[in-house]
N, C-alpha and C. Protein backbone atom coordinates (compact mmCIF):
# COMPACT_ATOMS: atom_id res chain seq x y z
N MET A 1 192.26 32.08 196.28
CA MET A 1 193.31 31.54 195.64
C MET A 1 192.99 31.25 194.33
N ARG A 2 193.85 31.70 193.37
CA ARG A 2 193.63 31.49 192.03
C ARG A 2 194.01 30.03 191.51
N ASN A 3 193.35 29.44 190.64
CA ASN A 3 193.83 28.08 190.14
C ASN A 3 194.82 28.24 189.05
N TYR A 4 195.59 27.22 188.65
CA TYR A 4 196.53 27.10 187.65
C TYR A 4 195.81 27.66 186.31
N GLU A 5 194.64 27.12 185.93
CA GLU A 5 194.21 27.48 184.71
C GLU A 5 193.77 28.89 184.47
N SER A 6 193.34 29.53 185.50
CA SER A 6 193.02 31.02 185.55
C SER A 6 194.28 31.86 185.50
N GLU A 7 195.44 31.38 186.13
CA GLU A 7 196.63 31.97 185.96
C GLU A 7 197.30 31.96 184.62
N GLN A 8 197.09 30.66 183.88
CA GLN A 8 197.67 30.52 182.68
C GLN A 8 196.75 31.53 181.62
N ALA A 9 195.57 31.58 181.99
CA ALA A 9 194.71 32.43 181.01
C ALA A 9 195.11 33.94 181.06
N MET A 10 195.77 34.36 182.16
CA MET A 10 196.08 35.78 182.37
C MET A 10 197.41 35.94 181.70
N ILE A 11 198.28 35.03 181.45
CA ILE A 11 199.62 35.22 180.79
C ILE A 11 199.58 35.45 179.49
N THR A 12 200.27 36.47 179.00
CA THR A 12 200.43 36.80 177.55
C THR A 12 201.25 35.70 176.90
N LYS A 13 200.94 35.17 175.82
CA LYS A 13 201.69 34.18 175.26
C LYS A 13 202.21 34.71 174.02
N GLU A 14 203.42 34.04 173.75
CA GLU A 14 204.23 34.50 172.52
C GLU A 14 204.82 33.41 171.88
N GLU A 15 204.60 33.15 170.62
CA GLU A 15 205.20 31.93 169.88
C GLU A 15 206.74 32.10 169.77
N ILE A 16 207.24 30.90 169.89
CA ILE A 16 208.84 30.70 169.65
C ILE A 16 209.08 29.57 168.77
N THR A 17 210.14 29.38 168.32
CA THR A 17 210.51 28.30 167.40
C THR A 17 211.70 27.50 168.12
N ILE A 18 211.48 26.22 168.19
CA ILE A 18 212.66 25.33 168.70
C ILE A 18 212.74 24.31 167.77
N LYS A 19 214.12 23.84 167.61
CA LYS A 19 214.41 22.68 166.75
C LYS A 19 214.20 21.40 167.49
N VAL A 20 213.57 20.48 166.74
CA VAL A 20 213.42 19.10 167.39
C VAL A 20 213.75 18.12 166.17
N SER A 21 213.70 16.81 166.60
CA SER A 21 213.99 15.91 165.46
C SER A 21 212.62 15.79 164.58
N SER A 22 212.93 15.18 163.42
CA SER A 22 211.64 15.14 162.46
C SER A 22 210.52 14.24 163.04
N GLU A 23 210.88 13.26 163.76
CA GLU A 23 209.95 12.21 164.37
C GLU A 23 209.14 13.05 165.41
N VAL A 24 209.69 13.93 166.08
CA VAL A 24 209.01 14.71 167.26
C VAL A 24 208.12 15.68 166.53
N ALA A 25 208.67 16.38 165.57
CA ALA A 25 207.86 17.32 164.75
C ALA A 25 206.62 16.78 164.18
N GLU A 26 206.76 15.65 163.62
CA GLU A 26 205.68 14.82 163.00
C GLU A 26 204.59 14.48 164.12
N ALA A 27 205.16 13.96 165.22
CA ALA A 27 204.28 13.60 166.16
C ALA A 27 203.51 14.79 166.76
N TYR A 28 204.11 15.93 166.94
CA TYR A 28 203.32 17.02 167.30
C TYR A 28 202.26 17.60 166.34
N ARG A 29 202.71 17.54 165.05
CA ARG A 29 201.71 17.87 164.04
C ARG A 29 200.60 17.02 164.04
N ASN A 30 200.85 15.88 164.39
CA ASN A 30 199.68 14.69 164.36
C ASN A 30 198.84 14.73 165.69
N ALA A 31 199.29 15.44 166.56
CA ALA A 31 198.67 15.30 167.97
C ALA A 31 197.32 16.25 167.82
N THR A 32 196.51 15.87 168.74
CA THR A 32 195.23 16.73 168.81
C THR A 32 195.45 18.05 169.38
N GLU A 33 194.70 18.93 169.18
CA GLU A 33 194.81 20.39 169.84
C GLU A 33 195.03 20.19 171.39
N GLU A 34 194.21 19.40 172.00
CA GLU A 34 194.44 19.18 173.42
C GLU A 34 195.76 18.70 173.67
N GLU A 35 196.31 17.76 173.15
CA GLU A 35 197.61 17.13 173.23
C GLU A 35 198.67 18.33 173.11
N ARG A 36 198.53 18.96 171.87
CA ARG A 36 199.60 20.06 171.76
C ARG A 36 199.56 21.14 172.81
N GLU A 37 198.36 21.51 173.43
CA GLU A 37 198.28 22.46 174.38
C GLU A 37 198.90 21.88 175.64
N GLN A 38 198.75 20.65 175.93
CA GLN A 38 199.37 20.02 177.09
C GLN A 38 200.90 20.02 176.97
N LEU A 39 201.35 19.62 175.67
CA LEU A 39 202.87 19.71 175.57
C LEU A 39 203.27 21.17 175.58
N GLN A 40 202.68 22.08 175.15
CA GLN A 40 203.24 23.39 175.32
C GLN A 40 203.19 23.81 176.69
N LEU A 41 202.26 23.53 177.50
CA LEU A 41 202.27 23.84 179.01
C LEU A 41 203.49 23.09 179.61
N LYS A 42 203.69 21.84 179.27
CA LYS A 42 204.85 21.18 179.85
C LYS A 42 206.20 21.73 179.50
N ILE A 43 206.39 22.07 178.22
CA ILE A 43 207.64 22.67 177.75
C ILE A 43 207.86 24.08 178.47
N ALA A 44 206.75 24.87 178.40
CA ALA A 44 206.81 26.24 179.10
C ALA A 44 207.21 25.92 180.66
N ALA A 45 206.64 24.92 181.27
CA ALA A 45 207.01 24.75 182.72
C ALA A 45 208.36 24.38 182.84
N ILE A 46 208.95 23.58 182.02
CA ILE A 46 210.37 23.31 182.22
C ILE A 46 211.22 24.38 181.90
N MET A 47 210.90 25.17 180.80
CA MET A 47 211.77 26.26 180.60
C MET A 47 211.74 27.29 181.66
N GLN A 48 210.46 27.57 182.27
CA GLN A 48 210.32 28.56 183.29
C GLN A 48 210.84 28.03 184.57
N SER A 49 211.01 26.87 184.78
CA SER A 49 211.69 26.36 186.03
C SER A 49 213.14 26.63 186.08
N GLN A 50 213.77 26.94 184.88
CA GLN A 50 215.23 27.19 184.77
C GLN A 50 215.44 28.68 185.19
N PHE A 51 214.54 29.73 184.87
CA PHE A 51 214.80 31.04 185.14
C PHE A 51 214.84 31.51 186.41
N PRO A 52 214.09 31.07 187.33
CA PRO A 52 214.09 31.50 188.73
C PRO A 52 215.41 31.11 189.31
N ARG A 53 216.04 29.83 188.99
CA ARG A 53 217.30 29.38 189.57
C ARG A 53 218.28 30.56 189.21
N LYS A 54 218.40 30.90 188.00
CA LYS A 54 219.38 31.81 187.48
C LYS A 54 219.33 33.06 188.26
N LYS A 55 217.94 33.54 188.39
CA LYS A 55 217.77 34.81 189.17
C LYS A 55 218.18 34.66 190.57
N GLU A 56 217.72 33.59 191.29
CA GLU A 56 218.20 33.43 192.62
C GLU A 56 219.65 33.25 192.66
N GLU A 57 220.36 32.66 191.79
CA GLU A 57 221.82 32.57 191.91
C GLU A 57 222.47 34.00 191.67
N ALA A 58 221.90 34.85 190.85
CA ALA A 58 222.41 36.17 190.58
C ALA A 58 222.23 37.09 191.89
N ILE A 59 221.11 36.78 192.36
CA ILE A 59 220.84 37.42 193.72
C ILE A 59 221.74 37.04 194.80
N ALA A 60 222.07 35.79 195.05
CA ALA A 60 222.83 35.18 195.89
C ALA A 60 224.41 35.66 195.74
N ARG A 61 224.66 35.75 194.41
CA ARG A 61 226.04 36.44 194.00
C ARG A 61 226.13 37.84 194.47
N LEU A 62 225.11 38.53 194.23
CA LEU A 62 225.14 40.10 194.49
C LEU A 62 225.24 40.20 195.98
N ARG A 63 224.45 39.42 196.89
CA ARG A 63 224.51 39.55 198.28
C ARG A 63 225.85 39.17 198.69
N ASN A 64 226.53 38.12 198.23
CA ASN A 64 227.71 37.73 198.52
C ASN A 64 228.89 38.80 198.35
N THR A 65 228.77 39.43 197.15
CA THR A 65 229.65 40.58 196.86
C THR A 65 229.49 41.74 197.80
N MET A 66 228.22 41.97 197.92
CA MET A 66 227.94 43.11 198.95
C MET A 66 228.30 42.90 200.30
N ASP A 67 228.23 41.62 200.75
CA ASP A 67 228.79 41.26 202.13
C ASP A 67 230.22 41.36 202.18
N GLN A 68 230.93 40.90 201.11
CA GLN A 68 232.44 40.98 201.18
C GLN A 68 232.81 42.38 201.03
N ALA A 69 232.16 43.14 200.40
CA ALA A 69 232.53 44.68 200.27
C ALA A 69 232.27 45.33 201.62
N SER A 70 231.23 44.97 202.29
CA SER A 70 230.87 45.50 203.68
C SER A 70 231.95 45.13 204.64
N LYS A 71 232.42 43.85 204.55
CA LYS A 71 233.40 43.24 205.36
C LYS A 71 234.74 43.91 205.22
N GLU A 72 235.12 44.14 203.97
CA GLU A 72 236.39 44.81 203.61
C GLU A 72 236.36 46.27 204.10
N ALA A 73 235.13 46.85 203.91
CA ALA A 73 235.22 48.35 204.39
C ALA A 73 235.29 48.53 205.89
N GLN A 74 234.58 47.60 206.64
CA GLN A 74 234.76 47.63 208.02
C GLN A 74 236.13 47.37 208.58
N GLU A 75 236.80 46.25 207.90
CA GLU A 75 238.21 46.00 208.17
C GLU A 75 239.13 47.19 207.97
N ARG A 76 238.81 48.08 207.06
CA ARG A 76 239.54 49.23 206.63
C ARG A 76 239.12 50.45 207.46
N GLY A 77 238.24 50.25 208.34
CA GLY A 77 237.81 51.45 209.20
C GLY A 77 236.57 52.22 208.90
N LEU A 78 235.83 51.78 207.93
CA LEU A 78 234.63 52.39 207.68
C LEU A 78 233.56 52.15 208.70
N THR A 79 233.00 53.09 209.23
CA THR A 79 232.00 52.88 210.22
C THR A 79 230.77 53.48 209.62
N PRO A 80 229.56 53.05 210.26
CA PRO A 80 228.32 53.65 209.77
C PRO A 80 228.29 55.17 209.78
N LYS A 81 228.84 55.67 210.78
CA LYS A 81 228.96 57.14 210.97
C LYS A 81 229.61 57.79 209.85
N ILE A 82 230.76 57.22 209.43
CA ILE A 82 231.57 57.69 208.41
C ILE A 82 230.90 57.63 207.04
N LEU A 83 230.37 56.36 206.92
CA LEU A 83 229.59 56.17 205.59
C LEU A 83 228.44 57.19 205.55
N GLU A 84 227.69 57.39 206.62
CA GLU A 84 226.45 58.43 206.56
C GLU A 84 226.99 59.80 206.19
N SER A 85 228.25 60.21 206.68
CA SER A 85 228.74 61.52 206.33
C SER A 85 229.19 61.42 205.00
N ILE A 86 229.71 60.50 204.33
CA ILE A 86 230.19 60.39 202.92
C ILE A 86 228.85 60.42 202.05
N LEU A 87 227.78 59.81 202.39
CA LEU A 87 226.58 59.85 201.72
C LEU A 87 225.97 61.15 201.72
N ASN A 88 226.11 61.88 202.80
CA ASN A 88 225.37 63.11 203.03
C ASN A 88 226.24 64.32 202.22
N GLU A 89 227.47 64.10 201.98
CA GLU A 89 228.16 65.12 201.31
C GLU A 89 227.71 65.47 200.03
N HIS A 90 227.02 64.56 199.36
CA HIS A 90 226.51 64.86 197.92
C HIS A 90 225.04 65.50 197.91
N GLU A 91 224.46 65.72 198.90
CA GLU A 91 223.17 66.26 199.03
C GLU A 91 223.15 67.66 198.83
């Protein structure tokens, strides 16, 4: 099992720019290198925590759409056998 630090070392890092208040910018510039690294990790973790949710929500919406389409197709008489025959027509 890998630890957090070794996982962080394997991640390619890229610099971004974010706007903050003058006071925050000054505090960041005056922080030690270790403090800045800790802040960077915290900010990255906060931002990263937002992305899986969006991905999970998109997957859930896609599954919902697919389930609804399947239900409607079945209600209109589409059977697995008919679907298979339609799919095999194009081979």
